Amino acid sequence: MLPTTSKGLGRTSSHVRPNSVLPQYLRKIIKWQQMDIEYTFWQMFHLCTSPKVVYQHTKYHKQTKNQWARDDPAFIVICTLLLVIATLAYCAAYDHSAGHAVFVVISVLLFHFILTGATLATCCWFLTNNYLREEAPSSHAVEQRVEWLYAFDVHCNSFFPMFVLLYVIHYFLSPLLVAHGFIPVLLSNLLFMVAASYYHYLNFLGYDVLPFLERTTFFLYPIGIVIVLSPIFILIGFNPSRHFMNIYFSRVL
């Protein structure tokens, strides 16, 4: 009877733990004193230069905290603030009213980062847990699953270098990229191709580091699609910079 009881208790705690992590995580968002800002900027820098180092530290986090996901919301908070600042810079350069600028900031923050990120994280979380997990070698092995919060962390990690390319660098190049002609079309497509490809590469690294997943090269497949589509967009004259800028600043462009 004792092994059966112990196993049942272990199974209950494994289901209760994830539900208790998220409220605690959200409470920390309003407590700046508990956030490790320096380590967050270290992660952001290395995600752009040597992302494997960041995911090597993820393994250490698992060993010390017994969870793959971050327990510090500093990355999301700083990423949100940087996104707001970058969007305000675009509004200052291209917008026509303060009211519309507020709308742009809110919509970019909600749709480009939070809702899109939550949707992609949920899809990856469902896919990895249902189709990419290795079979347990024995019935006594502890079942491991991808935490939803970790899936969202992976998205945030992948999003930041894309933010640098498509919000920061793109901002300074935007006068050229939104112009008419072949050169703006070529440069815009190349910039978007690199950003999207790097996003999916970091997505792959985030799940490849988990030892209980297999066939994680699946996350590299979208890179092939991006590489195939980019020359087609160039040939037909599609300019992604003008397209996305026109969504918010059509009166100016």
Protein backbone atom coordinates (compact mmCIF):
# COMPACT_ATOMS: atom_id res chain seq x y z
CA MET A 1 0.00 0.00 0.00
CA LEU A 2 2.85 2.45 0.75
CA PRO A 3 4.32 2.60 -2.80
CA THR A 4 0.84 3.15 -4.24
CA THR A 5 0.13 6.01 -1.85
CA SER A 6 3.49 7.62 -2.47
CA LYS A 7 3.03 7.44 -6.22
CA GLY A 8 -0.39 9.00 -6.00
CA LEU A 9 0.89 11.85 -3.86
CA GLY A 10 3.72 12.49 -6.29
CA ARG A 11 1.28 12.62 -9.18
CA THR A 12 -0.96 15.06 -7.35
CA SER A 13 1.91 17.41 -6.53
CA SER A 14 3.10 17.36 -10.16
CA HIS A 15 -0.31 18.63 -11.26
CA VAL A 16 -0.71 21.18 -8.51
CA ARG A 17 2.73 22.78 -8.89
CA PRO A 18 2.27 24.36 -12.36
CA ASN A 19 -1.03 25.92 -11.28
CA SER A 20 0.64 27.62 -8.31
CA VAL A 21 3.63 28.95 -10.26
CA LEU A 22 1.80 31.40 -12.53
CA PRO A 23 0.05 33.49 -9.79
CA GLN A 24 3.33 33.76 -7.91
CA TYR A 25 5.09 34.76 -11.13
CA LEU A 26 2.50 37.46 -11.86
CA ARG A 27 2.81 38.89 -8.34
CA LYS A 28 6.52 39.45 -8.89
CA ILE A 29 5.86 41.73 -11.89
CA ILE A 30 5.04 44.67 -9.61
CA LYS A 31 8.06 44.05 -7.35
CA TRP A 32 11.09 45.58 -9.06
CA GLN A 33 13.29 44.86 -6.05
CA GLN A 34 13.02 41.12 -6.66
CA MET A 35 13.94 41.30 -10.36
CA ASP A 36 17.44 40.53 -11.57
CA ILE A 37 17.80 43.33 -14.13
CA GLU A 38 21.53 42.82 -14.73
CA TYR A 39 21.11 39.12 -15.52
CA THR A 40 18.19 39.94 -17.83
CA PHE A 41 20.30 42.32 -19.92
CA TRP A 42 23.05 39.67 -19.95
CA GLN A 43 20.53 37.22 -21.42
CA MET A 44 19.31 39.72 -24.00
CA PHE A 45 22.86 40.45 -25.16
CA HIS A 46 23.78 36.79 -25.49
CA LEU A 47 20.54 35.90 -27.26
CA CYS A 48 21.78 38.15 -30.05
CA THR A 49 25.39 36.95 -29.99
CA SER A 50 25.64 33.42 -28.53
CA PRO A 51 22.17 32.05 -27.67
CA LYS A 52 23.44 28.57 -26.79
CA VAL A 53 25.07 30.08 -23.70
CA VAL A 54 21.67 31.30 -22.50
CA TYR A 55 20.12 27.85 -22.82
CA GLN A 56 23.11 26.30 -21.09
CA HIS A 57 22.15 28.46 -18.10
CA THR A 58 18.59 27.18 -18.48
CA LYS A 59 19.91 23.72 -17.57
CA TYR A 60 21.47 25.16 -14.41
CA HIS A 61 18.16 26.81 -13.56
CA LYS A 62 16.41 23.45 -13.82
CA GLN A 63 18.94 21.90 -11.46
CA THR A 64 18.61 24.65 -8.84
CA LYS A 65 14.94 25.68 -9.15
CA ASN A 66 13.46 22.36 -10.34
CA GLN A 67 11.64 24.06 -13.21
CA TRP A 68 12.62 25.00 -16.74
CA ALA A 69 10.69 28.29 -16.83
CA ARG A 70 12.02 31.51 -15.38
CA ASP A 71 10.71 32.47 -11.96
CA ASP A 72 11.74 36.09 -12.61
CA PRO A 73 9.44 38.21 -14.84
CA ALA A 74 12.17 40.80 -15.46
CA PHE A 75 12.72 39.65 -19.06
CA ILE A 76 9.07 40.17 -20.02
CA VAL A 77 8.85 43.49 -18.18
CA ILE A 78 11.98 44.92 -19.82
CA CYS A 79 11.02 43.57 -23.23
CA THR A 80 7.61 45.24 -22.88
CA LEU A 81 9.16 48.58 -21.92
CA LEU A 82 11.60 48.45 -24.84
CA LEU A 83 8.76 47.61 -27.22
CA VAL A 84 6.75 50.60 -25.96
CA ILE A 85 9.74 52.92 -26.38
CA ALA A 86 10.42 51.67 -29.92
CA THR A 87 6.77 52.03 -30.90
CA LEU A 88 6.68 55.58 -29.52
CA ALA A 89 9.72 56.38 -31.64
CA TYR A 90 7.86 55.20 -34.74
CA CYS A 91 4.82 57.25 -33.73
CA ALA A 92 6.96 60.36 -33.24
CA ALA A 93 8.38 59.95 -36.74
CA TYR A 94 5.32 58.81 -38.69
CA ASP A 95 2.12 59.37 -36.73
CA HIS A 96 -0.33 62.25 -37.06
CA SER A 97 -1.98 62.45 -33.62
CA ALA A 98 -1.35 61.61 -29.98
CA GLY A 99 -4.60 59.65 -29.74
CA HIS A 100 -3.67 57.44 -32.65
CA ALA A 101 -0.19 56.96 -31.18
CA VAL A 102 -1.73 55.55 -28.00
CA PHE A 103 -3.79 53.16 -30.13
CA VAL A 104 -0.65 52.05 -32.01
CA VAL A 105 1.32 51.41 -28.81
CA ILE A 106 -1.48 49.37 -27.23
CA SER A 107 -2.19 47.36 -30.37
CA VAL A 108 1.48 46.58 -31.01
CA LEU A 109 2.00 45.56 -27.40
CA LEU A 110 -1.11 43.38 -27.27
CA PHE A 111 -1.11 41.82 -30.73
CA HIS A 112 2.57 41.76 -31.73
CA PHE A 113 3.91 40.55 -28.40
CA ILE A 114 1.41 39.30 -25.81
CA LEU A 115 -1.43 37.68 -27.80
CA THR A 116 0.78 36.42 -30.61
CA GLY A 117 3.31 35.14 -28.09
CA ALA A 118 0.66 33.41 -25.99
CA THR A 119 -0.81 31.78 -29.10
CA LEU A 120 2.54 30.56 -30.42
CA ALA A 121 3.59 29.37 -26.97
CA THR A 122 0.35 27.44 -26.56
CA CYS A 123 0.76 25.78 -29.97
CA CYS A 124 4.36 24.78 -29.20
CA TRP A 125 3.41 23.64 -25.70
CA PHE A 126 0.64 21.43 -27.10
CA LEU A 127 2.82 20.09 -29.92
CA THR A 128 5.81 19.21 -27.75
CA ASN A 129 3.79 17.55 -24.99
CA ASN A 130 1.64 15.51 -27.34
CA TYR A 131 3.95 14.61 -30.21
CA LEU A 132 7.62 15.28 -29.43
CA ARG A 133 8.11 13.76 -25.97
CA GLU A 134 10.24 10.64 -25.72
CA GLU A 135 8.61 7.52 -24.37
CA ALA A 136 9.51 6.88 -20.74
CA PRO A 137 12.04 4.00 -20.54
CA SER A 138 10.09 2.41 -17.70
CA SER A 139 6.80 2.82 -15.91
CA HIS A 140 8.67 3.99 -12.78
CA ALA A 141 10.34 6.97 -14.53
CA VAL A 142 9.10 10.44 -13.65
CA GLU A 143 6.97 11.89 -16.43
CA GLN A 144 8.37 15.15 -17.77
CA ARG A 145 6.33 17.74 -19.62
CA VAL A 146 7.00 21.14 -21.15
CA GLU A 147 5.72 23.90 -18.88
CA TRP A 148 3.51 26.48 -20.60
CA LEU A 149 5.47 29.26 -18.94
CA TYR A 150 8.68 27.81 -20.38
CA ALA A 151 7.10 27.78 -23.85
CA PHE A 152 6.31 31.47 -23.40
CA ASP A 153 9.89 32.07 -22.21
CA VAL A 154 11.16 30.47 -25.41
CA HIS A 155 8.96 32.80 -27.46
CA CYS A 156 10.22 35.84 -25.52
CA ASN A 157 13.83 34.75 -26.02
CA SER A 158 13.22 34.31 -29.74
CA PHE A 159 11.30 37.57 -29.99
CA PHE A 160 14.01 39.82 -28.58
CA PRO A 161 16.59 39.53 -31.42
CA MET A 162 13.70 39.89 -33.87
CA PHE A 163 12.71 43.04 -31.97
CA VAL A 164 16.25 44.40 -32.39
CA LEU A 165 16.13 43.75 -36.14
CA LEU A 166 12.55 44.71 -36.97
CA TYR A 167 11.94 47.51 -34.48
CA VAL A 168 15.33 49.10 -33.75
CA ILE A 169 17.49 48.57 -36.84
CA HIS A 170 14.40 48.79 -39.05
CA TYR A 171 13.54 52.16 -37.49
CA PHE A 172 16.83 53.74 -38.56
CA LEU A 173 16.62 52.20 -42.03
CA SER A 174 12.89 52.89 -42.47
CA PRO A 175 13.28 55.99 -44.70
CA LEU A 176 15.07 53.76 -47.21
CA LEU A 177 13.02 50.61 -46.65
CA VAL A 178 9.61 52.23 -47.23
CA ALA A 179 10.72 53.96 -50.42
CA HIS A 180 9.72 52.76 -53.87
CA GLY A 181 12.09 50.74 -56.02
CA PHE A 182 13.94 47.44 -56.18
CA ILE A 183 16.62 48.21 -53.56
CA PRO A 184 14.09 48.90 -50.76
CA VAL A 185 12.19 45.72 -51.69
CA LEU A 186 15.41 43.68 -51.64
CA LEU A 187 16.71 45.08 -48.34
CA SER A 188 13.33 44.86 -46.62
CA ASN A 189 12.87 41.21 -47.58
CA LEU A 190 16.41 40.35 -46.51
CA LEU A 191 15.90 42.00 -43.13
CA PHE A 192 12.61 40.21 -42.54
CA MET A 193 14.08 36.90 -43.74
CA VAL A 194 17.00 37.11 -41.30
CA ALA A 195 14.71 38.13 -38.42
CA ALA A 196 12.17 35.35 -39.03
CA SER A 197 14.87 32.72 -39.57
CA TYR A 198 16.69 33.68 -36.38
CA TYR A 199 13.41 33.60 -34.46
CA HIS A 200 12.77 30.00 -35.51
CA TYR A 201 16.40 29.02 -34.87
CA LEU A 202 16.13 30.27 -31.28
CA ASN A 203 12.79 28.50 -30.98
CA PHE A 204 14.58 25.28 -31.96
CA LEU A 205 17.35 25.86 -29.39
CA GLY A 206 14.78 26.43 -26.66
CA TYR A 207 13.16 23.04 -27.15
CA ASP A 208 16.28 21.15 -28.20
CA VAL A 209 17.80 21.77 -24.77
CA LEU A 210 15.02 19.75 -23.11
CA PRO A 211 16.37 16.19 -22.73
CA PHE A 212 12.95 14.52 -22.85
CA LEU A 213 12.03 15.87 -26.30
CA GLU A 214 12.89 14.29 -29.63
CA ARG A 215 12.61 15.38 -33.30
CA THR A 216 13.01 19.02 -32.26
CA THR A 217 14.45 19.77 -35.72
CA PHE A 218 10.77 20.22 -36.59
CA PHE A 219 11.14 23.79 -35.33
CA LEU A 220 13.72 24.49 -38.05
CA TYR A 221 11.35 23.68 -40.91
CA PRO A 222 9.77 27.18 -41.03
CA ILE A 223 13.22 28.58 -41.91
CA GLY A 224 13.07 26.68 -45.20
CA ILE A 225 9.65 28.18 -45.94
CA VAL A 226 10.96 31.69 -45.21
CA ILE A 227 13.98 31.19 -47.48
CA VAL A 228 11.74 29.95 -50.31
CA LEU A 229 9.18 32.76 -49.96
CA SER A 230 11.66 35.65 -49.74
CA PRO A 231 12.91 35.45 -53.38
CA ILE A 232 9.29 35.13 -54.53
CA PHE A 233 8.34 38.30 -52.63
CA ILE A 234 11.34 40.09 -54.16
CA LEU A 235 10.38 39.03 -57.68
CA ILE A 236 6.78 40.22 -57.32
CA GLY A 237 7.90 43.47 -55.71
CA PHE A 238 6.33 42.90 -52.30
CA ASN A 239 7.84 45.21 -49.67
CA PRO A 240 7.08 43.91 -46.12
CA SER A 241 8.25 47.19 -44.57
CA ARG A 242 5.77 49.27 -46.54
CA HIS A 243 3.06 46.68 -45.93
CA PHE A 244 3.37 46.66 -42.14
CA MET A 245 4.04 50.38 -41.84
CA ASN A 246 0.93 51.09 -43.92
CA ILE A 247 -1.18 49.19 -41.40
CA TYR A 248 -0.58 51.90 -38.80
CA PHE A 249 0.73 54.92 -40.71
CA SER A 250 -1.12 54.81 -44.03
CA ARG A 251 -1.75 58.57 -44.10
CA VAL A 252 1.94 59.29 -43.96
CA LEU A 253 3.14 56.59 -46.34
